[in-house]
PDB file of N, CA and C in Angstrom:
ATOM      1  N   MET A   1     130.406 103.618 107.749  1.00  0.00           N
ATOM      2  CA  MET A   1     130.849 104.611 108.691  1.00  0.00           C
ATOM      3  C   MET A   1     130.099 105.921 108.458  1.00  0.00           C
ATOM      4  N   LEU A   2     129.570 106.477 109.510  1.00  0.00           N
ATOM      5  CA  LEU A   2     128.893 107.757 109.418  1.00  0.00           C
ATOM      6  C   LEU A   2     129.917 108.872 109.297  1.00  0.00           C
ATOM      7  N   LYS A   3     129.635 109.814 108.442  1.00  0.00           N
ATOM      8  CA  LYS A   3     130.528 110.964 108.299  1.00  0.00           C
ATOM      9  C   LYS A   3     129.962 112.103 109.132  1.00  0.00           C
ATOM     10  N   LYS A   4     130.755 112.576 110.070  1.00  0.00           N
ATOM     11  CA  LYS A   4     130.331 113.714 110.884  1.00  0.00           C
ATOM     12  C   LYS A   4     130.472 114.977 110.052  1.00  0.00           C
ATOM     13  N   LEU A   5     129.373 115.713 109.994  1.00  0.00           N
ATOM     14  CA  LEU A   5     129.342 116.922 109.185  1.00  0.00           C
ATOM     15  C   LEU A   5     129.207 118.156 110.065  1.00  0.00           C
ATOM     16  N   ASP A   6     129.699 119.273 109.531  1.00  0.00           N
ATOM     17  CA  ASP A   6     129.553 120.559 110.202  1.00  0.00           C
ATOM     18  C   ASP A   6     129.548 121.645 109.124  1.00  0.00           C
ATOM     19  N   ASN A   7     129.597 122.881 109.543  1.00  0.00           N
ATOM     20  CA  ASN A   7     129.570 123.996 108.596  1.00  0.00           C
ATOM     21  C   ASN A   7     130.739 123.943 107.608  1.00  0.00           C
ATOM     22  N   ASN A   8     131.852 123.369 107.999  1.00  0.00           N
ATOM     23  CA  ASN A   8     133.050 123.370 107.172  1.00  0.00           C
ATOM     24  C   ASN A   8     133.041 122.323 106.061  1.00  0.00           C
ATOM     25  N   ASN A   9     132.371 121.196 106.272  1.00  0.00           N
ATOM     26  CA  ASN A   9     132.444 120.125 105.273  1.00  0.00           C
ATOM     27  C   ASN A   9     131.093 119.737 104.671  1.00  0.00           C
ATOM     28  N   PHE A  10     130.027 120.374 105.094  1.00  0.00           N
ATOM     29  CA  PHE A  10     128.684 119.998 104.657  1.00  0.00           C
ATOM     30  C   PHE A  10     128.485 120.150 103.150  1.00  0.00           C
ATOM     31  N   ASP A  11     128.756 121.348 102.614  1.00  0.00           N
ATOM     32  CA  ASP A  11     128.504 121.602 101.186  1.00  0.00           C
ATOM     33  C   ASP A  11     129.306 120.668 100.286  1.00  0.00           C
ATOM     34  N   GLU A  12     130.547 120.427 100.652  1.00  0.00           N
ATOM     35  CA  GLU A  12     131.390 119.521  99.876  1.00  0.00           C
ATOM     36  C   GLU A  12     130.824 118.094  99.902  1.00  0.00           C
ATOM     37  N   HIS A  13     130.320 117.692 101.057  1.00  0.00           N
ATOM     38  CA  HIS A  13     129.794 116.334 101.210  1.00  0.00           C
ATOM     39  C   HIS A  13     128.559 116.092 100.341  1.00  0.00           C
ATOM     40  N   ILE A  14     127.639 117.051 100.285  1.00  0.00           N
ATOM     41  CA  ILE A  14     126.363 116.805  99.596  1.00  0.00           C
ATOM     42  C   ILE A  14     126.381 117.090  98.101  1.00  0.00           C
ATOM     43  N   LYS A  15     127.453 117.691  97.583  1.00  0.00           N
ATOM     44  CA  LYS A  15     127.404 118.168  96.199  1.00  0.00           C
ATOM     45  C   LYS A  15     127.454 117.069  95.139  1.00  0.00           C
ATOM     46  N   GLN A  16     127.932 115.898  95.454  1.00  0.00           N
ATOM     47  CA  GLN A  16     128.028 114.814  94.475  1.00  0.00           C
ATOM     48  C   GLN A  16     127.212 113.606  94.923  1.00  0.00           C
ATOM     49  N   GLY A  17     126.452 113.049  94.007  1.00  0.00           N
ATOM     50  CA  GLY A  17     125.743 111.803  94.269  1.00  0.00           C
ATOM     51  C   GLY A  17     124.562 111.940  95.208  1.00  0.00           C
ATOM     52  N   LEU A  18     124.204 110.822  95.797  1.00  0.00           N
ATOM     53  CA  LEU A  18     123.060 110.715  96.695  1.00  0.00           C
ATOM     54  C   LEU A  18     123.579 110.605  98.122  1.00  0.00           C
ATOM     55  N   LYS A  19     123.174 111.517  98.990  1.00  0.00           N
ATOM     56  CA  LYS A  19     123.663 111.556 100.367  1.00  0.00           C
ATOM     57  C   LYS A  19     122.491 111.699 101.329  1.00  0.00           C
ATOM     58  N   LEU A  20     122.418 110.811 102.295  1.00  0.00           N
ATOM     59  CA  LEU A  20     121.426 110.894 103.356  1.00  0.00           C
ATOM     60  C   LEU A  20     122.082 111.572 104.551  1.00  0.00           C
ATOM     61  N   VAL A  21     121.440 112.609 105.076  1.00  0.00           N
ATOM     62  CA  VAL A  21     121.985 113.347 106.208  1.00  0.00           C
ATOM     63  C   VAL A  21     120.971 113.340 107.345  1.00  0.00           C
ATOM     64  N   MET A  22     121.440 112.955 108.538  1.00  0.00           N
ATOM     65  CA  MET A  22     120.585 112.994 109.725  1.00  0.00           C
ATOM     66  C   MET A  22     120.966 114.203 110.573  1.00  0.00           C
ATOM     67  N   PHE A  23     119.984 115.026 110.861  1.00  0.00           N
ATOM     68  CA  PHE A  23     120.139 116.118 111.823  1.00  0.00           C
ATOM     69  C   PHE A  23     119.641 115.590 113.158  1.00  0.00           C
ATOM     70  N   GLY A  24     120.468 115.684 114.173  1.00  0.00           N
ATOM     71  CA  GLY A  24     120.082 115.165 115.480  1.00  0.00           C
ATOM     72  C   GLY A  24     120.936 115.738 116.576  1.00  0.00           C
ATOM     73  N   SER A  25     120.939 115.036 117.699  1.00  0.00           N
ATOM     74  CA  SER A  25     121.698 115.473 118.863  1.00  0.00           C
ATOM     75  C   SER A  25     122.017 114.263 119.723  1.00  0.00           C
ATOM     76  N   ASP A  26     123.141 114.322 120.414  1.00  0.00           N
ATOM     77  CA  ASP A  26     123.489 113.251 121.349  1.00  0.00           C
ATOM     78  C   ASP A  26     122.576 113.244 122.560  1.00  0.00           C
ATOM     79  N   MET A  27     121.805 114.303 122.747  1.00  0.00           N
ATOM     80  CA  MET A  27     120.860 114.375 123.863  1.00  0.00           C
ATOM     81  C   MET A  27     119.489 113.808 123.493  1.00  0.00           C
ATOM     82  N   CYS A  28     119.315 113.439 122.234  1.00  0.00           N
ATOM     83  CA  CYS A  28     118.042 112.910 121.743  1.00  0.00           C
ATOM     84  C   CYS A  28     118.081 111.375 121.796  1.00  0.00           C
ATOM     85  N   HIS A  29     117.177 110.788 122.564  1.00  0.00           N
ATOM     86  CA  HIS A  29     117.127 109.336 122.719  1.00  0.00           C
ATOM     87  C   HIS A  29     116.954 108.637 121.367  1.00  0.00           C
ATOM     88  N   TYR A  30     116.047 109.142 120.536  1.00  0.00           N
ATOM     89  CA  TYR A  30     115.793 108.495 119.244  1.00  0.00           C
ATOM     90  C   TYR A  30     116.996 108.620 118.306  1.00  0.00           C
ATOM     91  N   CYS A  31     117.723 109.721 118.406  1.00  0.00           N
ATOM     92  CA  CYS A  31     118.920 109.899 117.577  1.00  0.00           C
ATOM     93  C   CYS A  31     119.997 108.898 117.973  1.00  0.00           C
ATOM     94  N   VAL A  32     120.184 108.732 119.264  1.00  0.00           N
ATOM     95  CA  VAL A  32     121.171 107.768 119.765  1.00  0.00           C
ATOM     96  C   VAL A  32     120.778 106.352 119.341  1.00  0.00           C
ATOM     97  N   LYS A  33     119.494 106.049 119.423  1.00  0.00           N
ATOM     98  CA  LYS A  33     118.979 104.742 119.013  1.00  0.00           C
ATOM     99  C   LYS A  33     119.116 104.543 117.493  1.00  0.00           C
ATOM    100  N   GLN A  34     119.052 105.627 116.741  1.00  0.00           N
ATOM    101  CA  GLN A  34     119.123 105.565 115.280  1.00  0.00           C
ATOM    102  C   GLN A  34     120.541 105.289 114.776  1.00  0.00           C
ATOM    103  N   GLU A  35     121.547 105.704 115.506  1.00  0.00           N
ATOM    104  CA  GLU A  35     122.932 105.598 115.026  1.00  0.00           C
ATOM    105  C   GLU A  35     123.376 104.191 114.649  1.00  0.00           C
ATOM    106  N   PRO A  36     123.119 103.156 115.452  1.00  0.00           N
ATOM    107  CA  PRO A  36     123.536 101.812 115.017  1.00  0.00           C
ATOM    108  C   PRO A  36     122.867 101.379 113.708  1.00  0.00           C
ATOM    109  N   VAL A  37     121.636 101.810 113.495  1.00  0.00           N
ATOM    110  CA  VAL A  37     120.935 101.502 112.247  1.00  0.00           C
ATOM    111  C   VAL A  37     121.637 102.192 111.080  1.00  0.00           C
ATOM    112  N   LEU A  38     122.024 103.435 111.285  1.00  0.00           N
ATOM    113  CA  LEU A  38     122.729 104.173 110.238  1.00  0.00           C
ATOM    114  C   LEU A  38     124.110 103.580 109.966  1.00  0.00           C
ATOM    115  N   GLU A  39     124.791 103.181 111.014  1.00  0.00           N
ATOM    116  CA  GLU A  39     126.114 102.545 110.844  1.00  0.00           C
ATOM    117  C   GLU A  39     125.978 101.283 109.995  1.00  0.00           C
ATOM    118  N   GLU A  40     124.981 100.479 110.291  1.00  0.00           N
ATOM    119  CA  GLU A  40     124.761  99.239 109.537  1.00  0.00           C
ATOM    120  C   GLU A  40     124.418  99.552 108.081  1.00  0.00           C
ATOM    121  N   LEU A  41     123.567 100.540 107.877  1.00  0.00           N
ATOM    122  CA  LEU A  41     123.183 100.919 106.523  1.00  0.00           C
ATOM    123  C   LEU A  41     124.368 101.479 105.745  1.00  0.00           C
ATOM    124  N   SER A  42     125.234 102.221 106.412  1.00  0.00           N
ATOM    125  CA  SER A  42     126.389 102.808 105.727  1.00  0.00           C
ATOM    126  C   SER A  42     127.379 101.734 105.272  1.00  0.00           C
ATOM    127  N   GLN A  43     127.360 100.573 105.898  1.00  0.00           N
ATOM    128  CA  GLN A  43     128.220  99.475 105.472  1.00  0.00           C
ATOM    129  C   GLN A  43     127.723  98.837 104.182  1.00  0.00           C
ATOM    130  N   ASN A  44     126.500  99.187 103.774  1.00  0.00           N
ATOM    131  CA  ASN A  44     125.923  98.698 102.521  1.00  0.00           C
ATOM    132  C   ASN A  44     126.049  99.740 101.416  1.00  0.00           C
ATOM    133  N   ASN A  45     127.105 100.541 101.468  1.00  0.00           N
ATOM    134  CA  ASN A  45     127.405 101.544 100.445  1.00  0.00           C
ATOM    135  C   ASN A  45     126.369 102.655 100.343  1.00  0.00           C
ATOM    136  N   VAL A  46     125.674 102.949 101.438  1.00  0.00           N
ATOM    137  CA  VAL A  46     124.802 104.114 101.482  1.00  0.00           C
ATOM    138  C   VAL A  46     125.602 105.210 102.172  1.00  0.00           C
ATOM    139  N   ASN A  47     125.725 106.341 101.509  1.00  0.00           N
ATOM    140  CA  ASN A  47     126.538 107.445 101.996  1.00  0.00           C
ATOM    141  C   ASN A  47     125.722 108.276 102.981  1.00  0.00           C
ATOM    142  N   ILE A  48     126.088 108.241 104.259  1.00  0.00           N
ATOM    143  CA  ILE A  48     125.302 108.867 105.317  1.00  0.00           C
ATOM    144  C   ILE A  48     126.155 109.843 106.113  1.00  0.00           C
ATOM    145  N   GLY A  49     125.594 111.020 106.310  1.00  0.00           N
ATOM    146  CA  GLY A  49     126.242 112.030 107.130  1.00  0.00           C
ATOM    147  C   GLY A  49     125.386 112.327 108.351  1.00  0.00           C
ATOM    148  N   LYS A  50     126.036 112.834 109.390  1.00  0.00           N
ATOM    149  CA  LYS A  50     125.348 113.146 110.643  1.00  0.00           C
ATOM    150  C   LYS A  50     125.741 114.546 111.080  1.00  0.00           C
ATOM    151  N   ILE A  51     124.735 115.335 111.424  1.00  0.00           N
ATOM    152  CA  ILE A  51     124.978 116.690 111.915  1.00  0.00           C
ATOM    153  C   ILE A  51     124.431 116.804 113.323  1.00  0.00           C
ATOM    154  N   ASP A  52     125.265 117.279 114.234  1.00  0.00           N
ATOM    155  CA  ASP A  52     124.783 117.634 115.568  1.00  0.00           C
ATOM    156  C   ASP A  52     124.156 119.010 115.422  1.00  0.00           C
ATOM    157  N   ALA A  53     122.843 119.051 115.481  1.00  0.00           N
ATOM    158  CA  ALA A  53     122.101 120.279 115.203  1.00  0.00           C
ATOM    159  C   ALA A  53     122.476 121.426 116.132  1.00  0.00           C
ATOM    160  N   TYR A  54     122.880 121.105 117.348  1.00  0.00           N
ATOM    161  CA  TYR A  54     123.252 122.158 118.289  1.00  0.00           C
ATOM    162  C   TYR A  54     124.636 122.727 118.006  1.00  0.00           C
ATOM    163  N   LYS A  55     125.461 121.964 117.308  1.00  0.00           N
ATOM    164  CA  LYS A  55     126.797 122.441 116.960  1.00  0.00           C
ATOM    165  C   LYS A  55     126.829 123.105 115.580  1.00  0.00           C
ATOM    166  N   ALA A  56     125.753 122.943 114.818  1.00  0.00           N
ATOM    167  CA  ALA A  56     125.653 123.560 113.490  1.00  0.00           C
ATOM    168  C   ALA A  56     124.289 124.239 113.350  1.00  0.00           C
ATOM    169  N   PRO A  57     124.007 125.241 114.196  1.00  0.00           N
ATOM    170  CA  PRO A  57     122.678 125.867 114.173  1.00  0.00           C
ATOM    171  C   PRO A  57     122.348 126.561 112.851  1.00  0.00           C
ATOM    172  N   GLU A  58     123.362 127.037 112.125  1.00  0.00           N
ATOM    173  CA  GLU A  58     123.098 127.694 110.849  1.00  0.00           C
ATOM    174  C   GLU A  58     122.494 126.708 109.848  1.00  0.00           C
ATOM    175  N   LEU A  59     123.059 125.513 109.772  1.00  0.00           N
ATOM    176  CA  LEU A  59     122.531 124.491 108.866  1.00  0.00           C
ATOM    177  C   LEU A  59     121.164 124.012 109.317  1.00  0.00           C
ATOM    178  N   THR A  60     120.989 123.898 110.613  1.00  0.00           N
ATOM    179  CA  THR A  60     119.704 123.462 111.164  1.00  0.00           C
ATOM    180  C   THR A  60     118.606 124.454 110.782  1.00  0.00           C
ATOM    181  N   ARG A  61     118.881 125.727 110.916  1.00  0.00           N
ATOM    182  CA  ARG A  61     117.912 126.760 110.528  1.00  0.00           C
ATOM    183  C   ARG A  61     117.708 126.788 109.017  1.00  0.00           C
ATOM    184  N   LYS A  62     118.806 126.706 108.272  1.00  0.00           N
ATOM    185  CA  LYS A  62     118.729 126.770 106.808  1.00  0.00           C
ATOM    186  C   LYS A  62     117.785 125.704 106.245  1.00  0.00           C
ATOM    187  N   TYR A  63     117.823 124.513 106.833  1.00  0.00           N
ATOM    188  CA  TYR A  63     116.991 123.421 106.327  1.00  0.00           C
ATOM    189  C   TYR A  63     115.706 123.232 107.128  1.00  0.00           C
ATOM    190  N   GLY A  64     115.393 124.169 108.007  1.00  0.00           N
ATOM    191  CA  GLY A  64     114.117 124.158 108.719  1.00  0.00           C
ATOM    192  C   GLY A  64     113.917 122.968 109.623  1.00  0.00           C
ATOM    193  N   VAL A  65     114.978 122.479 110.218  1.00  0.00           N
ATOM    194  CA  VAL A  65     114.883 121.316 111.101  1.00  0.00           C
ATOM    195  C   VAL A  65     114.339 121.760 112.452  1.00  0.00           C
ATOM    196  N   THR A  66     113.218 121.149 112.862  1.00  0.00           N
ATOM    197  CA  THR A  66     112.593 121.505 114.136  1.00  0.00           C
ATOM    198  C   THR A  66     112.392 120.309 115.057  1.00  0.00           C
ATOM    199  N   SER A  67     112.666 119.112 114.558  1.00  0.00           N
ATOM    200  CA  SER A  67     112.536 117.918 115.404  1.00  0.00           C
ATOM    201  C   SER A  67     113.653 116.947 115.057  1.00  0.00           C
ATOM    202  N   PHE A  68     113.934 116.065 115.999  1.00  0.00           N
ATOM    203  CA  PHE A  68     115.030 115.098 115.832  1.00  0.00           C
ATOM    204  C   PHE A  68     114.510 113.681 115.947  1.00  0.00           C
ATOM    205  N   PRO A  69     115.081 112.752 115.233  1.00  0.00           N
ATOM    206  CA  PRO A  69     115.969 112.975 114.109  1.00  0.00           C
ATOM    207  C   PRO A  69     115.195 113.443 112.879  1.00  0.00           C
ATOM    208  N   THR A  70     115.797 114.301 112.101  1.00  0.00           N
ATOM    209  CA  THR A  70     115.271 114.698 110.799  1.00  0.00           C
ATOM    210  C   THR A  70     116.285 114.260 109.754  1.00  0.00           C
ATOM    211  N   PHE A  71     115.782 113.643 108.720  1.00  0.00           N
ATOM    212  CA  PHE A  71     116.618 113.159 107.623  1.00  0.00           C
ATOM    213  C   PHE A  71     116.350 113.991 106.382  1.00  0.00           C
ATOM    214  N   ILE A  72     117.409 114.347 105.691  1.00  0.00           N
ATOM    215  CA  ILE A  72     117.281 114.994 104.394  1.00  0.00           C
ATOM    216  C   ILE A  72     118.132 114.197 103.418  1.00  0.00           C
ATOM    217  N   LEU A  73     117.516 113.801 102.320  1.00  0.00           N
ATOM    218  CA  LEU A  73     118.220 113.083 101.264  1.00  0.00           C
ATOM    219  C   LEU A  73     118.568 114.092 100.174  1.00  0.00           C
ATOM    220  N   PHE A  74     119.861 114.245  99.919  1.00  0.00           N
ATOM    221  CA  PHE A  74     120.346 115.179  98.915  1.00  0.00           C
ATOM    222  C   PHE A  74     120.760 114.406  97.671  1.00  0.00           C
ATOM    223  N   LYS A  75     120.405 114.942  96.528  1.00  0.00           N
ATOM    224  CA  LYS A  75     120.837 114.370  95.256  1.00  0.00           C
ATOM    225  C   LYS A  75     121.560 115.480  94.501  1.00  0.00           C
ATOM    226  N   PHE A  76     122.866 115.342  94.388  1.00  0.00           N
ATOM    227  CA  PHE A  76     123.730 116.334  93.759  1.00  0.00           C
ATOM    228  C   PHE A  76     123.488 117.732  94.344  1.00  0.00           C
ATOM    229  N   GLY A  77     123.398 117.796  95.674  1.00  0.00           N
ATOM    230  CA  GLY A  77     123.289 119.064  96.376  1.00  0.00           C
ATOM    231  C   GLY A  77     121.886 119.600  96.565  1.00  0.00           C
ATOM    232  N   ASP A  78     120.910 119.026  95.892  1.00  0.00           N
ATOM    233  CA  ASP A  78     119.525 119.475  96.019  1.00  0.00           C
ATOM    234  C   ASP A  78     118.750 118.537  96.942  1.00  0.00           C
ATOM    235  N   VAL A  79     117.792 119.082  97.661  1.00  0.00           N
ATOM    236  CA  VAL A  79     116.961 118.266  98.544  1.00  0.00           C
ATOM    237  C   VAL A  79     116.036 117.411  97.691  1.00  0.00           C
ATOM    238  N   ALA A  80     116.159 116.089  97.831  1.00  0.00           N
ATOM    239  CA  ALA A  80     115.285 115.160  97.114  1.00  0.00           C
ATOM    240  C   ALA A  80     114.047 114.856  97.948  1.00  0.00           C
ATOM    241  N   THR A  81     114.245 114.653  99.249  1.00  0.00           N
ATOM    242  CA  THR A  81     113.137 114.405 100.164  1.00  0.00           C
ATOM    243  C   THR A  81     113.616 114.631 101.585  1.00  0.00           C
ATOM    244  N   ARG A  82     112.655 114.750 102.482  1.00  0.00           N
ATOM    245  CA  ARG A  82     112.973 114.911 103.904  1.00  0.00           C
ATOM    246  C   ARG A  82     111.887 114.226 104.715  1.00  0.00           C
ATOM    247  N   PHE A  83     112.285 113.741 105.891  1.00  0.00           N
ATOM    248  CA  PHE A  83     111.349 113.058 106.779  1.00  0.00           C
ATOM    249  C   PHE A  83     111.935 113.053 108.177  1.00  0.00           C
ATOM    250  N   SER A  84     111.076 112.862 109.152  1.00  0.00           N
ATOM    251  CA  SER A  84     111.507 112.878 110.553  1.00  0.00           C
ATOM    252  C   SER A  84     111.091 111.608 111.256  1.00  0.00           C
ATOM    253  N   GLY A  85     111.752 111.353 112.379  1.00  0.00           N
ATOM    254  CA  GLY A  85     111.403 110.219 113.222  1.00  0.00           C
ATOM    255  C   GLY A  85     112.281 109.013 112.987  1.00  0.00           C
ATOM    256  N   PHE A  86     112.316 108.143 113.986  1.00  0.00           N
ATOM    257  CA  PHE A  86     113.115 106.926 113.924  1.00  0.00           C
ATOM    258  C   PHE A  86     112.659 106.056 112.764  1.00  0.00           C
ATOM    259  N   ARG A  87     113.619 105.495 112.027  1.00  0.00           N
ATOM    260  CA  ARG A  87     113.329 104.573 110.924  1.00  0.00           C
ATOM    261  C   ARG A  87     114.234 103.358 111.056  1.00  0.00           C
ATOM    262  N   ASN A  88     113.683 102.174 110.717  1.00  0.00           N
ATOM    263  CA  ASN A  88     114.523 100.986 110.724  1.00  0.00           C
ATOM    264  C   ASN A  88     115.297 100.921 109.401  1.00  0.00           C
ATOM    265  N   LYS A  89     116.200  99.966 109.319  1.00  0.00           N
ATOM    266  CA  LYS A  89     117.096  99.866 108.161  1.00  0.00           C
ATOM    267  C   LYS A  89     116.330  99.711 106.855  1.00  0.00           C
ATOM    268  N   SER A  90     115.332  98.847 106.824  1.00  0.00           N
ATOM    269  CA  SER A  90     114.606  98.614 105.571  1.00  0.00           C
ATOM    270  C   SER A  90     113.812  99.847 105.143  1.00  0.00           C
ATOM    271  N   GLU A  91     113.263 100.587 106.091  1.00  0.00           N
ATOM    272  CA  GLU A  91     112.541 101.813 105.748  1.00  0.00           C
ATOM    273  C   GLU A  91     113.481 102.838 105.128  1.00  0.00           C
ATOM    274  N   LEU A  92     114.649 103.004 105.729  1.00  0.00           N
ATOM    275  CA  LEU A  92     115.625 103.956 105.201  1.00  0.00           C
ATOM    276  C   LEU A  92     116.105 103.529 103.812  1.00  0.00           C
ATOM    277  N   LEU A  93     116.384 102.265 103.653  1.00  0.00           N
ATOM    278  CA  LEU A  93     116.854 101.752 102.380  1.00  0.00           C
ATOM    279  C   LEU A  93     115.800 101.929 101.287  1.00  0.00           C
ATOM    280  N   ASP A  94     114.543 101.670 101.610  1.00  0.00           N
ATOM    281  CA  ASP A  94     113.453 101.860 100.647  1.00  0.00           C
ATOM    282  C   ASP A  94     113.374 103.310 100.167  1.00  0.00           C
ATOM    283  N   ILE A  95     113.536 104.243 101.083  1.00  0.00           N
ATOM    284  CA  ILE A  95     113.480 105.665 100.737  1.00  0.00           C
ATOM    285  C   ILE A  95     114.643 106.032  99.822  1.00  0.00           C
ATOM    286  N   VAL A  96     115.839 105.603 100.177  1.00  0.00           N
ATOM    287  CA  VAL A  96     117.021 105.925  99.376  1.00  0.00           C
ATOM    288  C   VAL A  96     116.915 105.316  97.969  1.00  0.00           C
ATOM    289  N   LEU A  97     116.471 104.080  97.889  1.00  0.00           N
ATOM    290  CA  LEU A  97     116.387 103.398  96.585  1.00  0.00           C
ATOM    291  C   LEU A  97     115.422 104.062  95.623  1.00  0.00           C
ATOM    292  N   LYS A  98     114.437 104.772  96.119  1.00  0.00           N
ATOM    293  CA  LYS A  98     113.486 105.478  95.247  1.00  0.00           C
ATOM    294  C   LYS A  98     114.164 106.583  94.439  1.00  0.00           C
ATOM    295  N   TYR A  99     115.310 107.046  94.903  1.00  0.00           N
ATOM    296  CA  TYR A  99     115.974 108.183  94.261  1.00  0.00           C
ATOM    297  C   TYR A  99     117.235 107.818  93.496  1.00  0.00           C
ATOM    298  N   ILE A 100     117.477 106.536  93.346  1.00  0.00           N
ATOM    299  CA  ILE A 100     118.660 106.101  92.580  1.00  0.00           C
ATOM    300  C   ILE A 100     118.330 106.107  91.097  1.00  0.00           C
TER     301      ILE A 100
END
């Protein structure tokens, strides 16, 4: 299950463990296409959060997000890596596993 994040719960969500966060929008075709992949990946014990960039502009600016979807992998609150563009399940899993 994807966890919907916003200004109120973002910091708490990323502070422990490894968390993949997608910045996107419901108006972005690739973001909408990405969601079922993220849902499937989250069922494999990968902790994934989703931010609607237009509803959380402060976070979007803070992390320099300029294109959708943009992914940021946090490890105990720090940015471990970031990347943009649609990714399939195996690509996302490969990226996450590098930081375990």
